[in-house]
Each structure stands twice: as C-alpha cells, then as structure tokens.
C-alpha cells in the first residue's frame, strides 16, 4: 500500500489536501504538534502522529515507525508578518534536511516539498521554473531555495523521485486572519475600517483548495523538478480588496492609502503555469469571485454562528 507522510497536515494547506490523498488510495499519516488531536480531521486511512519536527530524534522515530513510500513536506515556520526574515528559517532548513534523510533511510521513494515564489527574483514579473532567476530577497525564500539545492542531488543519489511545488499567494477558508484576504473580510464583517496600502501591485492568487489538488496531483505523478502552483493570472490588490468590499456591501469601509506600501515592492508577480497545465493536466476549479464568496461565507459562519 502507498503510505504518505504529510508534515504540516494540520495547517492551512494540509487540511485541504488530506481528502484528496485519502481519495487517491493513500494510507495517510499526518504530523501535528500544537493542535489538539480532537480538533484534527478523522476518517478511514487517516493516522496522526504528534511530533516536534525540530526534534531530530523524535522525527527519526516517526519515519522509522511509518516507513512511508511518499513524503509531502508542507511544514515550515510561517508566522504572518515575521516569517520572511525570521531566524527560525535556519532551524527549518536543518530540520527539513534531516527529515528527508530519515525518509530515504526508511525506504521512501517519492518526495514533494512546498516551495515558494519568494525563491525567485520578483522584478522578472512573470516567473518561469526554468528560465527565471532564482534570487531570493528574504531569508525565507533563501532557506527554501537552499533546501531544494540539497534535496535534488540527495534524492538522485538515494533513488528518491523529487518534485517541488512553488506556491504563490493562497487564500481560502481557514487562513490565518492576519493575512490580507481574511484581515479585510473580518474587518468589514465586523463593521470596522479596513486600512490598506495604495494596493497597486499585481499578485497571483489561488484558492487553497485548488493548490491542494495541484500538490496532490504532483505527489501522485512521477514528474520531477519545480512546478509553479498558482492561477497564472495577476490581479491588483486594490481590485481584489474592492471585490471583497462589494461582496459584503461594505466598500465605504475600505481605506486605501492608510498604510505605507513596503519599500521595494515589485509591481507584478505572476506565475507561468505551463508545466502545471501541460505536464500535470491541471486546471483550477475556483475562479476569484467564487473563491472569495466561499471564503466570506466561511468567515461569516465563524464570526456570527
């Protein structure tokens, strides 16, 4: 039987990906640390393991126990507003390398890691896996990029198939409310002003459900190398935020220019999704309007129920 270990399975992306893996016939093993077991998804074929992935001995013990055939590595330090240049990125670089070694040691055959668009040089605008410059501007992007530099030759040496999903901007139910989409939604639903920058920069947003399907498809395939996981479409932050305002009928509470735009912001960051489209035959199911409506409904239930 195919056994997959999913790190970060209790997180934003992880919870959305588990049904796809179970539906594909995997015996799924998820790691968690800070959540309670009672709060985690249950079901036939779903198994949970409490482990601090920064603890090398504990991680090794889990990998030895499971002997997974597949590894989907989603876990990383991702505290909103802090993760870009946090020293914890070094810890996760080291922990991820140890995790991959333990996976290979225990017979693992297929590895997929969650990368980031922050590995790229953003001023290139439209970003392609093979032709765009890898030049991270943050410690987060640098550590992710350096892990891939280690992982690819290591996997080749140890007969492990290796792929890397570079995630762009995700949104959807369950996202941390300090991030842009939920912060605007929760402010407006609460009748409070949403303070924004001028929001002229264009970014590539994808619904987390689509990203989960793409990662599951990548894991189940034999494709190797980096794949952009994104919509392939750019939208200005102002248009995105304004659409949220329209959907909740609170446009008057949007205050553009109330915050300073961070220095050095690239005007355009959008993915070339040719590999995702042609090699994985992947198509997004959730357009921005539908995805935002679903996300707003989720927050309405959470806030008012």
Protein backbone atom coordinates (compact mmCIF):
# COMPACT_ATOMS: atom_id res chain seq x y z
CA UNK A 1 0.00 0.00 0.00
CA UNK A 2 1.10 3.58 -0.69
CA UNK A 3 1.80 5.38 2.57
CA UNK A 4 2.25 9.14 2.63
CA UNK A 5 3.58 11.21 5.50
CA UNK A 6 2.28 14.78 5.36
CA UNK A 7 4.11 17.29 7.53
CA UNK A 8 2.05 20.34 8.37
CA UNK A 9 -1.09 18.26 7.82
CA UNK A 10 -2.97 20.23 10.48
CA UNK A 11 -2.22 23.56 8.81
CA UNK A 12 -3.95 25.78 6.25
CA UNK A 13 -2.91 23.80 3.17
CA UNK A 14 -2.64 20.44 4.93
CA UNK A 15 -6.27 20.19 6.00
CA UNK A 16 -7.39 20.85 2.42
CA UNK A 17 -5.09 18.24 0.91
CA UNK A 18 -5.92 15.28 3.15
CA UNK A 19 -9.25 14.34 1.46
CA UNK A 20 -7.54 14.25 -1.95
CA UNK A 21 -4.84 11.88 -0.69
CA UNK A 22 -7.35 9.61 1.03
CA UNK A 23 -9.47 9.61 -2.13
CA UNK A 24 -6.42 8.60 -4.16
CA UNK A 25 -5.98 5.47 -2.05
CA UNK A 26 -3.12 6.58 0.18
CA UNK A 27 -2.76 5.49 3.77
CA UNK A 28 -2.25 8.98 5.16
CA UNK A 29 -0.06 9.84 8.13
CA UNK A 30 -0.10 13.44 9.31
CA UNK A 31 2.13 15.22 11.78
CA UNK A 32 0.87 17.75 14.31
CA UNK A 33 2.34 19.44 17.36
CA UNK A 34 0.41 22.48 18.61
CA UNK A 35 -3.15 21.41 17.78
CA UNK A 36 -5.19 19.03 19.92
CA UNK A 37 -5.84 15.60 18.44
CA UNK A 38 -9.59 16.08 18.92
CA UNK A 39 -9.59 19.08 16.56
CA UNK A 40 -7.98 17.21 13.66
CA UNK A 41 -9.76 15.54 10.71
CA UNK A 42 -10.60 11.88 11.20
CA UNK A 43 -11.51 9.11 8.81
CA UNK A 44 -10.63 5.71 7.45
CA UNK A 45 -6.99 5.63 6.42
CA UNK A 46 -6.11 8.78 8.40
CA UNK A 47 -3.42 8.49 11.09
CA UNK A 48 -1.94 11.23 13.27
CA UNK A 49 1.49 11.48 14.90
CA UNK A 50 2.37 14.15 17.45
CA UNK A 51 5.95 15.25 16.89
CA UNK A 52 8.06 18.37 17.02
CA UNK A 53 9.77 18.24 13.63
CA UNK A 54 12.62 20.35 15.03
CA UNK A 55 13.41 17.39 17.30
CA UNK A 56 15.64 15.17 15.18
CA UNK A 57 15.30 12.05 17.34
CA UNK A 58 11.51 12.31 17.51
CA UNK A 59 11.26 12.84 13.76
CA UNK A 60 13.55 9.88 13.04
CA UNK A 61 11.38 7.68 15.28
CA UNK A 62 8.21 8.61 13.38
CA UNK A 63 9.81 7.93 9.99
CA UNK A 64 11.15 4.57 11.21
CA UNK A 65 7.71 3.61 12.53
CA UNK A 66 5.72 4.59 9.43
CA UNK A 67 8.15 3.62 6.65
CA UNK A 68 6.28 5.90 4.25
CA UNK A 69 6.61 5.44 0.50
CA UNK A 70 5.73 9.12 -0.11
CA UNK A 71 6.57 12.32 1.75
CA UNK A 72 4.73 15.63 1.29
CA UNK A 73 6.60 18.27 3.26
CA UNK A 74 4.44 21.32 3.97
CA UNK A 75 5.61 22.29 7.45
CA UNK A 76 7.74 25.41 7.93
CA UNK A 77 7.79 28.49 10.14
CA UNK A 78 5.04 30.77 8.76
CA UNK A 79 4.10 33.33 11.41
CA UNK A 80 2.41 36.18 9.47
CA UNK A 81 4.50 39.33 9.38
CA UNK A 82 7.53 37.59 10.87
CA UNK A 83 8.46 34.62 8.74
CA UNK A 84 10.17 36.50 5.90
CA UNK A 85 13.41 37.10 7.79
CA UNK A 86 12.94 35.10 10.99
CA UNK A 87 15.95 33.09 12.25
CA UNK A 88 13.61 30.10 12.59
CA UNK A 89 14.06 29.62 8.84
CA UNK A 90 17.53 28.24 9.56
CA UNK A 91 16.03 25.76 12.02
CA UNK A 92 13.55 24.55 9.42
CA UNK A 93 16.23 24.25 6.76
CA UNK A 94 18.18 21.95 9.04
CA UNK A 95 15.11 20.03 10.20
CA UNK A 96 13.90 19.52 6.63
CA UNK A 97 17.24 18.10 5.59
CA UNK A 98 17.13 15.63 8.48
CA UNK A 99 13.55 14.70 7.64
CA UNK A 100 14.48 13.90 4.05
CA UNK A 101 17.47 11.79 5.13
CA UNK A 102 15.27 9.79 7.53
CA UNK A 103 12.66 9.31 4.79
CA UNK A 104 15.23 7.90 2.36
CA UNK A 105 16.83 5.76 5.05
CA UNK A 106 13.48 4.08 5.72
CA UNK A 107 12.76 3.19 2.10
CA UNK A 108 10.96 6.32 0.88
CA UNK A 109 10.57 6.65 -2.89
CA UNK A 110 8.69 9.89 -3.71
CA UNK A 111 9.29 13.32 -2.15
CA UNK A 112 7.38 16.55 -2.81
CA UNK A 113 8.23 19.73 -0.95
CA UNK A 114 6.36 23.02 -0.64
CA UNK A 115 8.47 25.78 -2.08
CA UNK A 116 7.63 29.44 -2.56
CA UNK A 117 7.52 32.14 -5.21
CA UNK A 118 9.87 34.03 -2.86
CA UNK A 119 12.70 31.91 -4.28
CA UNK A 120 12.50 33.95 -7.49
CA UNK A 121 13.81 37.40 -8.38
CA UNK A 122 10.45 39.17 -8.33
CA UNK A 123 11.40 42.00 -10.66
CA UNK A 124 11.29 39.49 -13.51
CA UNK A 125 7.47 39.80 -13.31
CA UNK A 126 6.18 36.62 -14.94
CA UNK A 127 8.05 33.75 -13.34
CA UNK A 128 9.03 30.51 -15.06
CA UNK A 129 10.57 27.48 -13.34
CA UNK A 130 13.42 27.01 -15.79
CA UNK A 131 14.19 30.49 -17.14
CA UNK A 132 13.51 32.92 -14.28
CA UNK A 133 16.32 33.94 -11.97
CA UNK A 134 16.45 32.33 -8.53
CA UNK A 135 17.45 35.26 -6.35
CA UNK A 136 15.54 35.39 -3.06
CA UNK A 137 15.17 38.75 -1.34
CA UNK A 138 14.27 37.23 2.04
CA UNK A 139 15.70 34.66 4.42
CA UNK A 140 12.55 32.58 3.98
CA UNK A 141 12.99 32.38 0.23
CA UNK A 142 16.71 31.75 0.58
CA UNK A 143 16.29 28.84 3.01
CA UNK A 144 13.59 27.25 0.86
CA UNK A 145 15.80 27.59 -2.21
CA UNK A 146 18.82 26.18 -0.41
CA UNK A 147 16.83 23.19 0.79
CA UNK A 148 15.90 22.38 -2.80
CA UNK A 149 19.57 22.67 -3.80
CA UNK A 150 20.31 19.99 -1.21
CA UNK A 151 17.23 17.86 -1.82
CA UNK A 152 17.56 17.31 -5.58
CA UNK A 153 21.06 15.78 -5.65
CA UNK A 154 20.40 13.89 -2.40
CA UNK A 155 17.25 12.32 -3.84
CA UNK A 156 19.01 11.39 -7.06
CA UNK A 157 21.81 9.71 -5.10
CA UNK A 158 19.30 7.77 -2.98
CA UNK A 159 16.85 6.74 -5.73
CA UNK A 160 14.08 9.03 -4.48
CA UNK A 161 11.88 10.84 -7.01
CA UNK A 162 11.81 14.57 -6.17
CA UNK A 163 9.42 17.39 -7.07
CA UNK A 164 8.93 20.89 -5.68
CA UNK A 165 5.72 22.94 -5.69
CA UNK A 166 6.39 26.67 -5.66
CA UNK A 167 3.34 28.24 -4.03
CA UNK A 168 2.28 31.80 -4.83
CA UNK A 169 -0.45 33.69 -2.91
CA UNK A 170 -3.10 31.41 -1.45
CA UNK A 171 -6.41 32.33 0.16
CA UNK A 172 -9.49 30.47 1.35
CA UNK A 173 -11.25 29.04 4.40
CA UNK A 174 -9.03 28.53 7.42
CA UNK A 175 -6.36 31.08 6.52
CA UNK A 176 -4.71 33.00 9.37
CA UNK A 177 -6.82 36.11 9.87
CA UNK A 178 -3.74 38.34 9.96
CA UNK A 179 -3.15 37.76 6.24
CA UNK A 180 -4.55 40.12 3.62
CA UNK A 181 -7.76 38.41 2.42
CA UNK A 182 -9.11 37.34 5.83
CA UNK A 183 -7.97 40.58 7.51
CA UNK A 184 -10.05 42.63 5.07
CA UNK A 185 -13.01 40.25 5.30
CA UNK A 186 -13.06 40.16 9.11
CA UNK A 187 -12.68 43.93 9.41
CA UNK A 188 -15.58 44.59 7.06
CA UNK A 189 -17.83 41.92 8.57
CA UNK A 190 -17.19 43.47 11.98
CA UNK A 191 -18.12 46.93 10.67
CA UNK A 192 -14.58 48.22 11.01
CA UNK A 193 -12.50 50.17 8.53
CA UNK A 194 -10.05 48.06 6.52
CA UNK A 195 -6.84 50.07 6.38
CA UNK A 196 -4.86 49.28 3.24
CA UNK A 197 -1.88 50.48 1.26
CA UNK A 198 -2.47 52.04 -2.16
CA UNK A 199 -2.52 48.37 -3.26
CA UNK A 200 -1.42 48.95 -6.84
CA UNK A 201 0.86 45.90 -7.06
CA UNK A 202 -0.34 42.87 -9.03
CA UNK A 203 -0.15 39.40 -7.49
CA UNK A 204 -1.15 35.84 -8.42
CA UNK A 205 -3.83 34.49 -6.05
CA UNK A 206 -5.03 30.88 -5.97
CA UNK A 207 -7.72 29.27 -3.83
CA UNK A 208 -6.21 26.88 -1.29
CA UNK A 209 -8.49 24.08 -2.49
CA UNK A 210 -7.02 24.32 -5.97
CA UNK A 211 -3.48 24.44 -4.55
CA UNK A 212 -4.23 21.32 -2.51
CA UNK A 213 -5.46 19.47 -5.60
CA UNK A 214 -2.36 20.55 -7.52
CA UNK A 215 0.01 19.34 -4.81
CA UNK A 216 -1.87 16.04 -4.52
CA UNK A 217 -1.64 15.57 -8.29
CA UNK A 218 2.07 16.37 -8.22
CA UNK A 219 2.66 13.85 -5.43
CA UNK A 220 0.79 11.10 -7.27
CA UNK A 221 2.71 11.73 -10.50
CA UNK A 222 6.24 10.80 -11.47
CA UNK A 223 7.13 14.35 -12.55
CA UNK A 224 10.29 15.87 -11.13
CA UNK A 225 11.68 19.34 -10.59
CA UNK A 226 9.95 22.61 -9.72
CA UNK A 227 6.32 23.38 -10.58
CA UNK A 228 4.64 26.74 -10.05
CA UNK A 229 1.44 26.24 -8.04
CA UNK A 230 -0.64 29.28 -8.96
CA UNK A 231 -3.52 30.57 -11.04
CA UNK A 232 -1.34 32.12 -13.72
CA UNK A 233 -3.42 35.31 -13.52
CA UNK A 234 -2.48 38.63 -11.96
CA UNK A 235 -4.87 40.88 -10.06
CA UNK A 236 -4.12 44.21 -8.41
CA UNK A 237 -4.50 44.10 -4.65
CA UNK A 238 -6.86 47.07 -4.98
CA UNK A 239 -9.18 45.13 -7.31
CA UNK A 240 -9.06 42.10 -5.01
CA UNK A 241 -9.86 44.14 -1.92
CA UNK A 242 -12.53 46.19 -3.70
CA UNK A 243 -14.24 42.99 -4.83
CA UNK A 244 -14.37 41.80 -1.23
CA UNK A 245 -15.93 45.16 -0.32
CA UNK A 246 -18.60 44.73 -2.99
CA UNK A 247 -19.42 41.17 -1.95
CA UNK A 248 -20.04 42.19 1.67
CA UNK A 249 -21.56 45.57 0.68
CA UNK A 250 -19.03 47.49 2.75
CA UNK A 251 -16.96 49.33 0.12
CA UNK A 252 -17.23 52.55 2.13
CA UNK A 253 -15.08 50.98 4.85
CA UNK A 254 -12.10 50.45 2.53
CA UNK A 255 -9.37 53.00 3.22
CA UNK A 256 -6.72 52.81 0.51
CA UNK A 257 -3.51 54.67 1.30
CA UNK A 258 -3.99 54.43 5.06
CA UNK A 259 -0.82 52.34 5.25
CA UNK A 260 2.55 52.86 3.62
CA UNK A 261 3.47 50.49 0.80
CA UNK A 262 6.53 48.48 1.89
CA UNK A 263 9.69 49.69 0.14
CA UNK A 264 10.91 47.73 -2.87
CA UNK A 265 7.56 46.12 -3.71
CA UNK A 266 7.65 44.54 -7.16
CA UNK A 267 4.82 45.89 -9.36
CA UNK A 268 4.00 42.46 -10.83
CA UNK A 269 4.48 38.87 -9.59
CA UNK A 270 2.64 36.21 -11.59
CA UNK A 271 3.36 32.57 -12.39
CA UNK A 272 3.94 30.90 -15.71
CA UNK A 273 1.87 27.73 -15.17
CA UNK A 274 2.81 25.93 -18.39
CA UNK A 275 4.26 22.93 -16.56
CA UNK A 276 1.25 22.66 -14.26
CA UNK A 277 -1.14 22.95 -17.21
CA UNK A 278 0.58 20.71 -19.75
CA UNK A 279 2.52 18.14 -17.72
CA UNK A 280 0.04 17.59 -14.89
CA UNK A 281 -3.03 18.45 -16.99
CA UNK A 282 -4.18 20.59 -14.07
CA UNK A 283 -6.99 23.15 -14.26
CA UNK A 284 -8.16 25.43 -11.46
CA UNK A 285 -11.77 24.91 -10.43
CA UNK A 286 -12.26 28.06 -8.37
CA UNK A 287 -12.22 31.48 -10.00
CA UNK A 288 -11.56 34.52 -7.83
CA UNK A 289 -15.20 35.57 -7.48
CA UNK A 290 -16.39 32.10 -6.46
CA UNK A 291 -13.42 31.58 -4.17
CA UNK A 292 -13.94 34.89 -2.37
CA UNK A 293 -17.66 34.21 -1.94
CA UNK A 294 -16.88 30.84 -0.35
CA UNK A 295 -14.24 32.39 1.88
CA UNK A 296 -16.54 35.19 3.01
CA UNK A 297 -19.28 32.65 3.83
CA UNK A 298 -16.79 30.64 5.91
CA UNK A 299 -15.84 33.73 7.93
CA UNK A 300 -19.49 34.74 8.36
CA UNK A 301 -20.21 31.35 9.91
CA UNK A 302 -17.13 31.56 12.10
CA UNK A 303 -17.84 35.07 13.35
CA UNK A 304 -21.62 35.03 13.72
CA UNK A 305 -22.56 31.41 14.49
